[in-house]
N, C-alpha and C. Protein backbone atom coordinates (compact mmCIF):
# COMPACT_ATOMS: atom_id res chain seq x y z
N MET A 1 18.38 2.06 -9.24
CA MET A 1 17.92 0.87 -10.13
C MET A 1 18.96 0.38 -10.93
N ALA A 2 18.95 -0.70 -11.34
CA ALA A 2 19.83 -1.20 -12.31
C ALA A 2 19.01 -1.92 -13.31
N TRP A 3 19.34 -2.10 -14.35
CA TRP A 3 18.84 -2.63 -15.44
C TRP A 3 18.79 -4.37 -15.30
N VAL A 4 17.89 -4.91 -15.22
CA VAL A 4 17.93 -6.50 -15.08
C VAL A 4 17.99 -7.09 -16.35
N GLY A 5 17.50 -6.77 -17.52
CA GLY A 5 17.46 -7.50 -18.55
C GLY A 5 16.84 -6.47 -19.55
N ALA A 6 16.46 -7.12 -20.72
CA ALA A 6 15.84 -6.32 -21.78
C ALA A 6 14.39 -6.80 -21.44
N PRO A 7 13.38 -5.78 -21.29
CA PRO A 7 11.84 -5.71 -20.66
C PRO A 7 11.22 -6.87 -21.49
N GLU A 8 11.51 -7.21 -22.87
CA GLU A 8 10.66 -8.61 -23.40
C GLU A 8 11.19 -9.68 -22.87
N THR A 9 12.33 -9.59 -22.46
CA THR A 9 12.94 -11.17 -21.65
C THR A 9 12.61 -11.28 -20.26
N VAL A 10 12.13 -10.12 -19.58
CA VAL A 10 11.74 -10.50 -18.00
C VAL A 10 10.60 -10.74 -17.83
N ALA A 11 10.87 -12.08 -17.46
CA ALA A 11 9.43 -12.81 -16.84
C ALA A 11 8.66 -12.08 -15.55
N CYS A 12 7.47 -12.19 -15.74
CA CYS A 12 6.80 -11.87 -14.55
C CYS A 12 6.98 -12.57 -13.12
N PRO A 13 7.02 -12.11 -12.17
CA PRO A 13 7.24 -12.73 -10.85
C PRO A 13 6.15 -13.48 -10.38
N PRO A 14 6.08 -14.60 -9.76
CA PRO A 14 5.03 -15.42 -9.48
C PRO A 14 3.86 -14.56 -8.73
N TRP A 15 4.09 -13.69 -8.02
CA TRP A 15 3.14 -13.11 -7.28
C TRP A 15 2.27 -11.79 -8.10
N CYS A 16 2.70 -11.54 -9.26
CA CYS A 16 2.22 -10.74 -10.29
C CYS A 16 0.78 -10.98 -10.77
N GLY A 17 -0.08 -10.07 -10.52
CA GLY A 17 -1.33 -10.12 -11.30
C GLY A 17 -1.88 -10.02 -12.46
N GLY A 18 -0.88 -9.75 -13.06
CA GLY A 18 -0.93 -9.00 -14.66
C GLY A 18 -1.64 -7.95 -14.87
N GLY A 19 -2.00 -7.61 -15.74
CA GLY A 19 -2.77 -6.29 -15.95
C GLY A 19 -2.13 -5.18 -16.52
N HIS A 20 -1.19 -5.51 -16.76
CA HIS A 20 0.08 -4.72 -17.66
C HIS A 20 0.23 -5.07 -19.03
N ASP A 21 0.53 -4.10 -19.71
CA ASP A 21 0.56 -3.77 -21.03
C ASP A 21 1.60 -4.58 -21.59
N GLU A 22 1.51 -5.86 -22.11
CA GLU A 22 2.71 -6.61 -22.81
C GLU A 22 3.37 -5.95 -23.85
N ALA A 23 2.51 -5.06 -24.67
CA ALA A 23 2.91 -4.65 -26.02
C ALA A 23 3.88 -3.36 -25.58
N HIS A 24 3.98 -3.03 -24.41
CA HIS A 24 4.92 -1.81 -24.10
C HIS A 24 5.76 -1.94 -22.69
N PRO A 25 6.75 -3.14 -22.86
CA PRO A 25 7.33 -3.47 -21.68
C PRO A 25 8.08 -2.43 -20.78
N VAL A 26 8.50 -1.30 -21.70
CA VAL A 26 9.01 -0.21 -20.94
C VAL A 26 8.27 0.20 -19.90
N ASP A 27 6.80 0.31 -20.02
CA ASP A 27 6.12 0.68 -18.98
C ASP A 27 5.73 -0.45 -17.99
N ARG A 28 6.09 -1.69 -18.09
CA ARG A 28 5.77 -2.61 -17.39
C ARG A 28 5.81 -2.58 -15.92
N VAL A 29 4.58 -2.56 -14.94
CA VAL A 29 4.93 -2.62 -13.47
C VAL A 29 4.31 -3.71 -13.19
N HIS A 30 4.79 -4.85 -12.31
CA HIS A 30 4.09 -5.92 -11.87
C HIS A 30 3.38 -5.39 -10.34
N TRP A 31 2.28 -5.85 -10.27
CA TRP A 31 1.19 -5.69 -9.25
C TRP A 31 0.85 -6.78 -8.84
N SER A 32 0.71 -6.68 -7.26
CA SER A 32 0.49 -8.08 -6.68
C SER A 32 -0.87 -8.19 -6.56
N THR A 33 -1.47 -9.61 -6.64
CA THR A 33 -2.83 -9.72 -6.54
C THR A 33 -3.32 -9.53 -4.96
N GLY A 34 -2.31 -9.65 -3.94
CA GLY A 34 -2.98 -9.42 -2.76
C GLY A 34 -2.71 -8.12 -1.90
N THR A 35 -3.83 -7.47 -2.49
CA THR A 35 -3.93 -5.89 -2.43
C THR A 35 -4.86 -5.71 -1.17
N LEU A 36 -4.61 -4.51 -0.14
CA LEU A 36 -5.27 -4.66 1.27
C LEU A 36 -5.93 -3.05 0.97
N LEU A 37 -6.99 -3.22 0.67
CA LEU A 37 -7.88 -1.76 0.78
C LEU A 37 -8.64 -1.97 2.18
N PHE A 38 -8.37 -0.81 2.80
CA PHE A 38 -9.25 -0.67 4.17
C PHE A 38 -9.41 0.73 4.68
N GLU A 39 -10.63 0.74 5.42
CA GLU A 39 -10.89 2.01 5.94
C GLU A 39 -10.43 2.04 7.59
N PRO A 40 -9.32 2.61 7.76
CA PRO A 40 -9.06 2.90 9.53
C PRO A 40 -10.27 3.41 10.46
N VAL A 41 -10.82 2.71 11.06
CA VAL A 41 -12.05 3.21 12.03
C VAL A 41 -12.15 4.28 12.77
N LEU A 42 -10.51 4.52 13.17
CA LEU A 42 -9.94 5.71 13.91
C LEU A 42 -9.67 6.90 13.18
N ALA A 43 -9.52 6.87 11.70
CA ALA A 43 -8.90 8.19 10.90
C ALA A 43 -10.13 8.94 10.76
N ASP A 44 -9.61 10.09 10.62
CA ASP A 44 -10.83 11.34 10.23
C ASP A 44 -11.11 11.27 8.55
N ALA A 45 -12.48 11.49 8.41
CA ALA A 45 -12.87 11.55 7.08
C ALA A 45 -12.09 13.00 6.53
N GLU A 46 -12.45 13.01 5.34
CA GLU A 46 -11.87 14.02 4.49
C GLU A 46 -13.25 14.62 4.01
N PHE A 47 -13.12 15.98 3.53
CA PHE A 47 -14.15 16.46 2.96
C PHE A 47 -14.26 16.82 1.76
N VAL A 48 -14.61 16.62 0.55
CA VAL A 48 -14.41 17.05 -0.82
C VAL A 48 -15.70 17.74 -1.13
N ARG A 49 -15.06 18.68 -2.02
CA ARG A 49 -16.12 19.71 -2.85
C ARG A 49 -16.41 19.49 -3.98
N VAL A 50 -17.47 19.32 -4.58
CA VAL A 50 -17.73 18.61 -6.10
C VAL A 50 -19.09 19.57 -6.40
N ASP A 51 -18.77 20.43 -7.66
CA ASP A 51 -19.85 21.24 -8.31
C ASP A 51 -20.74 21.75 -6.82
N GLU A 52 -19.87 22.31 -6.22
CA GLU A 52 -20.70 23.32 -4.97
C GLU A 52 -21.23 22.64 -3.96
N LYS A 53 -20.94 21.28 -3.91
CA LYS A 53 -21.49 20.62 -2.75
C LYS A 53 -20.20 19.94 -2.06
N THR A 54 -20.40 19.70 -0.72
CA THR A 54 -19.48 18.98 -0.01
C THR A 54 -20.02 17.55 0.33
N PHE A 55 -18.90 16.63 0.08
CA PHE A 55 -19.21 15.50 0.73
C PHE A 55 -18.05 15.03 1.36
N GLU A 56 -18.42 13.89 2.73
CA GLU A 56 -17.56 13.33 3.54
C GLU A 56 -17.00 12.02 2.62
N GLN A 57 -15.76 11.96 2.64
CA GLN A 57 -15.03 10.81 1.87
C GLN A 57 -14.17 10.37 3.11
N PRO A 58 -14.43 8.79 3.48
CA PRO A 58 -13.72 7.95 4.26
C PRO A 58 -12.51 8.08 3.78
N LEU A 59 -11.44 8.12 4.81
CA LEU A 59 -10.02 7.84 4.43
C LEU A 59 -9.99 6.06 3.99
N ARG A 60 -9.49 5.84 2.88
CA ARG A 60 -9.29 4.39 2.63
C ARG A 60 -7.71 4.17 2.18
N LEU A 61 -7.18 3.08 2.79
CA LEU A 61 -5.61 2.90 2.61
C LEU A 61 -5.46 2.00 1.65
N LEU A 62 -4.49 1.95 0.93
CA LEU A 62 -4.46 1.03 -0.27
C LEU A 62 -2.93 0.17 0.04
N VAL A 63 -2.55 -0.82 0.36
CA VAL A 63 -1.19 -1.43 0.67
C VAL A 63 -1.31 -2.38 -0.42
N THR A 64 -0.20 -2.52 -1.13
CA THR A 64 0.08 -3.20 -2.17
C THR A 64 1.65 -3.66 -2.55
N MET A 65 1.93 -4.53 -3.42
CA MET A 65 3.36 -4.64 -3.63
C MET A 65 3.55 -4.41 -4.96
N THR A 66 4.51 -3.94 -5.81
CA THR A 66 4.86 -3.51 -6.87
C THR A 66 6.46 -3.47 -7.46
N GLN A 67 6.66 -3.84 -8.65
CA GLN A 67 8.09 -4.02 -9.14
C GLN A 67 7.96 -3.29 -10.60
N GLY A 68 8.88 -2.50 -10.86
CA GLY A 68 8.98 -2.11 -12.24
C GLY A 68 10.08 -2.87 -12.79
N TYR A 69 9.78 -2.98 -14.10
CA TYR A 69 10.75 -4.03 -14.95
C TYR A 69 12.37 -3.96 -14.58
N ARG A 70 12.65 -2.60 -14.26
CA ARG A 70 13.98 -2.31 -14.17
C ARG A 70 14.64 -2.56 -12.65
N GLU A 71 13.71 -2.98 -11.85
CA GLU A 71 13.89 -2.87 -10.31
C GLU A 71 14.43 -4.06 -9.97
N LEU A 72 15.50 -4.20 -8.96
CA LEU A 72 15.96 -5.52 -8.68
C LEU A 72 15.02 -6.35 -7.88
N GLY A 73 13.95 -5.87 -7.21
CA GLY A 73 13.24 -6.36 -6.10
C GLY A 73 11.88 -5.62 -6.16
N PRO A 74 10.98 -6.26 -5.27
CA PRO A 74 9.43 -5.43 -5.23
C PRO A 74 9.56 -4.69 -4.33
N ARG A 75 8.64 -3.52 -4.05
CA ARG A 75 8.56 -2.80 -3.11
C ARG A 75 7.25 -2.87 -2.44
N VAL A 76 6.97 -2.63 -1.21
CA VAL A 76 5.60 -2.38 -0.63
C VAL A 76 4.99 -0.80 -0.67
N THR A 77 4.03 -0.76 -1.03
CA THR A 77 3.42 0.63 -1.30
C THR A 77 2.30 0.91 -0.23
N MET A 78 2.24 1.87 0.32
CA MET A 78 1.07 2.28 1.08
C MET A 78 0.83 3.51 0.82
N VAL A 79 -0.62 3.76 0.25
CA VAL A 79 -1.20 4.98 -0.45
C VAL A 79 -2.58 5.39 0.03
N HIS A 80 -2.84 6.82 0.21
CA HIS A 80 -4.06 7.08 0.54
C HIS A 80 -4.93 6.97 -0.95
N GLU A 81 -5.95 5.86 -0.85
CA GLU A 81 -6.67 5.55 -2.01
C GLU A 81 -7.18 7.09 -3.03
N ASN A 82 -7.55 7.97 -2.29
CA ASN A 82 -8.09 9.11 -2.82
C ASN A 82 -7.04 10.25 -3.29
N THR A 83 -5.80 10.03 -2.87
CA THR A 83 -4.82 11.15 -3.34
C THR A 83 -4.32 11.11 -4.79
N GLU A 84 -3.71 12.17 -5.35
CA GLU A 84 -2.94 12.07 -6.22
C GLU A 84 -1.89 11.25 -6.42
N HIS A 85 -1.49 10.56 -7.65
CA HIS A 85 -0.29 9.95 -7.84
C HIS A 85 0.91 10.40 -7.18
N GLY A 86 1.52 9.72 -6.58
CA GLY A 86 2.83 10.13 -5.84
C GLY A 86 2.77 10.45 -4.36
N LYS A 87 1.66 10.35 -3.99
CA LYS A 87 1.26 10.51 -2.57
C LYS A 87 1.65 8.94 -1.86
N GLY A 88 1.81 8.74 -0.43
CA GLY A 88 2.07 7.70 -0.03
C GLY A 88 3.58 7.26 0.16
N PHE A 89 3.91 6.18 0.22
CA PHE A 89 5.21 5.75 0.51
C PHE A 89 5.58 4.30 0.13
N ASP A 90 6.51 4.04 -0.03
CA ASP A 90 7.12 2.90 -0.35
C ASP A 90 8.01 2.40 0.69
N VAL A 91 7.82 1.20 1.23
CA VAL A 91 9.06 0.40 1.84
C VAL A 91 9.65 -0.77 1.29
N THR A 92 11.02 -1.34 1.95
CA THR A 92 11.27 -2.39 1.19
C THR A 92 10.76 -3.75 1.84
N LEU A 93 11.06 -4.99 1.53
CA LEU A 93 10.40 -6.03 1.99
C LEU A 93 10.91 -6.16 3.42
N THR A 94 12.25 -5.87 3.74
CA THR A 94 12.73 -6.02 5.04
C THR A 94 11.92 -4.99 5.98
N GLU A 95 11.70 -4.02 5.47
CA GLU A 95 11.16 -2.94 6.18
C GLU A 95 9.32 -3.13 6.46
N ALA A 96 8.91 -3.75 5.57
CA ALA A 96 7.57 -4.25 5.67
C ALA A 96 7.31 -5.28 6.72
N GLU A 97 8.29 -6.34 6.77
CA GLU A 97 8.34 -7.27 7.83
C GLU A 97 8.80 -7.01 9.06
N GLN A 98 9.39 -5.77 9.14
CA GLN A 98 9.79 -5.30 10.70
C GLN A 98 8.56 -4.33 11.15
N VAL A 99 7.80 -3.79 10.37
CA VAL A 99 6.67 -3.01 10.69
C VAL A 99 5.45 -4.01 10.89
N GLY A 100 5.36 -5.09 9.98
CA GLY A 100 4.32 -6.03 10.48
C GLY A 100 4.74 -6.87 11.43
N ARG A 101 5.84 -6.92 12.10
CA ARG A 101 6.03 -8.04 13.24
C ARG A 101 5.59 -6.86 14.46
N GLU A 102 6.05 -5.67 14.31
CA GLU A 102 6.15 -4.70 15.32
C GLU A 102 4.51 -4.33 15.58
N LEU A 103 3.76 -4.10 14.52
CA LEU A 103 2.17 -4.31 14.78
C LEU A 103 1.44 -5.34 15.15
N LEU A 104 2.11 -6.54 15.03
CA LEU A 104 1.57 -7.50 15.66
C LEU A 104 1.59 -7.71 16.98
N ARG A 105 2.94 -7.31 17.56
CA ARG A 105 3.44 -7.31 18.84
C ARG A 105 2.51 -6.68 19.70
N LEU A 106 2.44 -5.22 19.32
CA LEU A 106 1.57 -4.21 19.65
C LEU A 106 0.10 -4.32 19.77
N ALA A 107 -0.26 -4.96 18.85
CA ALA A 107 -1.73 -5.68 18.97
C ALA A 107 -1.83 -6.34 20.25
N ALA A 108 -0.97 -7.57 19.99
CA ALA A 108 -0.98 -8.60 21.22
C ALA A 108 -0.91 -8.15 22.51
N GLU A 109 -0.22 -7.06 22.59
CA GLU A 109 0.22 -6.27 23.83
C GLU A 109 -1.05 -5.78 24.29
N GLY A 110 -1.62 -5.21 23.60
CA GLY A 110 -2.90 -4.19 23.87
C GLY A 110 -3.99 -5.20 24.12
N ARG A 111 -4.31 -6.33 23.41
CA ARG A 111 -5.38 -7.38 23.99
C ARG A 111 -5.13 -7.95 25.27
N ALA A 112 -3.74 -8.11 25.41
CA ALA A 112 -3.56 -8.87 26.69
C ALA A 112 -3.89 -7.71 27.88
N ALA A 113 -3.78 -6.61 27.78
CA ALA A 113 -4.02 -5.72 28.74
C ALA A 113 -5.45 -5.69 29.48
N PRO A 114 -5.54 -5.41 30.66
CA PRO A 114 -7.00 -5.34 30.95
C PRO A 114 -7.50 -4.04 30.40
N VAL A 115 -8.83 -3.96 29.91
CA VAL A 115 -9.46 -2.63 29.64
C VAL A 115 -9.75 -1.98 30.87
N GLN A 116 -9.15 -0.85 30.59
CA GLN A 116 -9.60 0.28 31.71
C GLN A 116 -10.01 1.52 31.10
N ALA A 117 -11.24 2.12 31.67
CA ALA A 117 -11.83 3.40 31.23
C ALA A 117 -10.58 4.37 31.67
N VAL A 118 -10.75 5.38 30.75
CA VAL A 118 -9.79 6.56 30.96
C VAL A 118 -10.97 7.79 31.63
N HIS A 119 -10.49 8.19 32.60
CA HIS A 119 -11.27 9.42 33.32
C HIS A 119 -10.68 10.81 33.09
N ARG A 120 -11.60 11.53 32.72
CA ARG A 120 -10.68 12.95 32.39
C ARG A 120 -11.51 13.95 33.32
N GLN A 121 -10.61 14.96 34.02
CA GLN A 121 -11.30 16.10 35.13
C GLN A 121 -11.13 17.28 34.28
């Protein structure tokens, strides 16, 4: 990562939703307003134990864009909402575009195919 400028002089990018502490620019991270939070239907739920009770907790994925004040550009972050900080992964904008195009292509291909039941013996 490269120093882009003094934190007090670096303006927020147009996609930043704010919410960071301007009094502490060293800690500034820009967060996108376009955040996707969803529960994949086919994902298995997790079971969480709290006070000797077990609860089913659905998998919820968070997809957002962030950029630290020292970073040259934003990154797309995908993380399981209920995990500890640091879990999940980041991709570049180019990688996000590649994955997005392939997901759209696969979805279109799957929708165009005739539906066939799978028979197991």
